[in-house]
């Protein structure tokens, strides 16, 4: 997402929270809880939408290492796991 689009989405979220505040008691409990947590973490949501970077590469490495660890569960020790991780990278 571009930075301009990210700030537009955040502005829309803030406007939605202002409009929904008076009638939040009429919303279903799950929806109300989701909105409350989203509003509480609005700074994190703003950063996630408007910043040009993400943690996708790191998450990919974590996923790969977890897959190797699951494959080797109870088969070998840390040294063999370390060698496989280093060979796969």
C-alpha atoms as a PDB file:
ATOM      1  CA  UNK A   1       0.000   0.000   0.000  1.00  0.00           C
ATOM      2  CA  UNK A   2       1.220   3.483  -0.642  1.00  0.00           C
ATOM      3  CA  UNK A   3       1.643   5.893   2.199  1.00  0.00           C
ATOM      4  CA  UNK A   4      -1.232   8.125   1.003  1.00  0.00           C
ATOM      5  CA  UNK A   5      -3.647   5.221   0.825  1.00  0.00           C
ATOM      6  CA  UNK A   6      -2.566   4.055   4.301  1.00  0.00           C
ATOM      7  CA  UNK A   7      -3.313   7.409   5.871  1.00  0.00           C
ATOM      8  CA  UNK A   8      -6.652   7.559   4.049  1.00  0.00           C
ATOM      9  CA  UNK A   9      -7.608   4.177   5.529  1.00  0.00           C
ATOM     10  CA  UNK A  10      -6.572   5.330   9.016  1.00  0.00           C
ATOM     11  CA  UNK A  11      -8.569   8.546   8.646  1.00  0.00           C
ATOM     12  CA  UNK A  12     -11.604   6.467   7.647  1.00  0.00           C
ATOM     13  CA  UNK A  13     -11.110   4.227  10.718  1.00  0.00           C
ATOM     14  CA  UNK A  14     -10.961   7.245  13.020  1.00  0.00           C
ATOM     15  CA  UNK A  15     -14.124   8.688  11.459  1.00  0.00           C
ATOM     16  CA  UNK A  16     -15.829   5.307  11.854  1.00  0.00           C
ATOM     17  CA  UNK A  17     -14.914   5.209  15.550  1.00  0.00           C
ATOM     18  CA  UNK A  18     -16.298   8.726  16.061  1.00  0.00           C
ATOM     19  CA  UNK A  19     -19.587   7.798  14.375  1.00  0.00           C
ATOM     20  CA  UNK A  20     -19.897   4.424  16.099  1.00  0.00           C
ATOM     21  CA  UNK A  21     -19.109   5.594  19.647  1.00  0.00           C
ATOM     22  CA  UNK A  22     -22.671   6.684  20.564  1.00  0.00           C
ATOM     23  CA  UNK A  23     -24.257   3.421  19.416  1.00  0.00           C
ATOM     24  CA  UNK A  24     -21.545   0.964  20.466  1.00  0.00           C
ATOM     25  CA  UNK A  25     -23.842  -0.548  23.099  1.00  0.00           C
ATOM     26  CA  UNK A  26     -26.198  -1.832  20.407  1.00  0.00           C
ATOM     27  CA  UNK A  27     -23.471  -3.807  18.587  1.00  0.00           C
ATOM     28  CA  UNK A  28     -23.031  -7.546  19.157  1.00  0.00           C
ATOM     29  CA  UNK A  29     -20.493  -8.261  21.916  1.00  0.00           C
ATOM     30  CA  UNK A  30     -17.899  -9.785  19.562  1.00  0.00           C
ATOM     31  CA  UNK A  31     -18.064  -6.826  17.188  1.00  0.00           C
ATOM     32  CA  UNK A  32     -17.862  -4.376  20.062  1.00  0.00           C
ATOM     33  CA  UNK A  33     -14.815  -6.174  21.508  1.00  0.00           C
ATOM     34  CA  UNK A  34     -13.085  -6.235  18.097  1.00  0.00           C
ATOM     35  CA  UNK A  35     -13.715  -2.509  17.593  1.00  0.00           C
ATOM     36  CA  UNK A  36     -12.511  -1.688  21.103  1.00  0.00           C
ATOM     37  CA  UNK A  37      -9.241  -3.583  20.595  1.00  0.00           C
ATOM     38  CA  UNK A  38      -8.760  -2.115  17.134  1.00  0.00           C
ATOM     39  CA  UNK A  39      -9.243   1.378  18.530  1.00  0.00           C
ATOM     40  CA  UNK A  40      -6.865   0.608  21.397  1.00  0.00           C
ATOM     41  CA  UNK A  41      -4.169  -0.515  18.916  1.00  0.00           C
ATOM     42  CA  UNK A  42      -4.857   2.207  16.357  1.00  0.00           C
ATOM     43  CA  UNK A  43      -1.233   3.412  16.460  1.00  0.00           C
ATOM     44  CA  UNK A  44       0.008  -0.079  15.564  1.00  0.00           C
ATOM     45  CA  UNK A  45      -2.620  -0.389  12.812  1.00  0.00           C
ATOM     46  CA  UNK A  46      -1.559   3.013  11.466  1.00  0.00           C
ATOM     47  CA  UNK A  47       2.103   1.992  11.428  1.00  0.00           C
ATOM     48  CA  UNK A  48       1.310  -1.330   9.762  1.00  0.00           C
ATOM     49  CA  UNK A  49      -0.667   0.319   6.991  1.00  0.00           C
ATOM     50  CA  UNK A  50       1.439   3.406   6.358  1.00  0.00           C
ATOM     51  CA  UNK A  51       5.028   2.131   6.701  1.00  0.00           C
ATOM     52  CA  UNK A  52       6.826   0.922   3.570  1.00  0.00           C
ATOM     53  CA  UNK A  53       8.418  -2.129   5.230  1.00  0.00           C
ATOM     54  CA  UNK A  54       7.107  -5.348   6.772  1.00  0.00           C
ATOM     55  CA  UNK A  55       8.367  -8.456   8.527  1.00  0.00           C
ATOM     56  CA  UNK A  56       7.577 -10.885   5.709  1.00  0.00           C
ATOM     57  CA  UNK A  57      11.176 -12.010   5.151  1.00  0.00           C
ATOM     58  CA  UNK A  58      11.732 -12.703   8.846  1.00  0.00           C
ATOM     59  CA  UNK A  59       8.439 -14.594   9.094  1.00  0.00           C
ATOM     60  CA  UNK A  60       9.498 -16.742   6.130  1.00  0.00           C
ATOM     61  CA  UNK A  61      12.737 -17.717   7.865  1.00  0.00           C
ATOM     62  CA  UNK A  62      10.901 -18.472  11.116  1.00  0.00           C
ATOM     63  CA  UNK A  63       8.425 -20.687   9.237  1.00  0.00           C
ATOM     64  CA  UNK A  64      11.254 -22.576   7.529  1.00  0.00           C
ATOM     65  CA  UNK A  65      13.107 -23.163  10.803  1.00  0.00           C
ATOM     66  CA  UNK A  66       9.923 -24.345  12.535  1.00  0.00           C
ATOM     67  CA  UNK A  67       9.289 -26.773   9.669  1.00  0.00           C
ATOM     68  CA  UNK A  68      12.793 -28.202  10.009  1.00  0.00           C
ATOM     69  CA  UNK A  69      12.364 -28.491  13.763  1.00  0.00           C
ATOM     70  CA  UNK A  70       9.035 -30.344  13.348  1.00  0.00           C
ATOM     71  CA  UNK A  71      10.595 -32.744  10.843  1.00  0.00           C
ATOM     72  CA  UNK A  72      13.384 -33.591  13.277  1.00  0.00           C
ATOM     73  CA  UNK A  73      11.296 -33.772  16.432  1.00  0.00           C
ATOM     74  CA  UNK A  74      12.758 -36.390  18.828  1.00  0.00           C
ATOM     75  CA  UNK A  75      15.147 -37.702  16.159  1.00  0.00           C
ATOM     76  CA  UNK A  76      18.343 -35.838  16.861  1.00  0.00           C
ATOM     77  CA  UNK A  77      19.932 -33.177  18.992  1.00  0.00           C
ATOM     78  CA  UNK A  78      20.576 -29.504  18.559  1.00  0.00           C
ATOM     79  CA  UNK A  79      23.799 -29.976  16.564  1.00  0.00           C
ATOM     80  CA  UNK A  80      22.065 -31.806  13.703  1.00  0.00           C
ATOM     81  CA  UNK A  81      19.236 -29.248  13.695  1.00  0.00           C
ATOM     82  CA  UNK A  82      21.836 -26.464  13.532  1.00  0.00           C
ATOM     83  CA  UNK A  83      23.566 -28.125  10.570  1.00  0.00           C
ATOM     84  CA  UNK A  84      20.287 -28.547   8.676  1.00  0.00           C
ATOM     85  CA  UNK A  85      19.285 -24.931   9.294  1.00  0.00           C
ATOM     86  CA  UNK A  86      22.651 -23.695   8.084  1.00  0.00           C
ATOM     87  CA  UNK A  87      22.610 -25.988   5.020  1.00  0.00           C
ATOM     88  CA  UNK A  88      19.129 -24.858   3.989  1.00  0.00           C
ATOM     89  CA  UNK A  89      19.972 -21.163   4.092  1.00  0.00           C
END
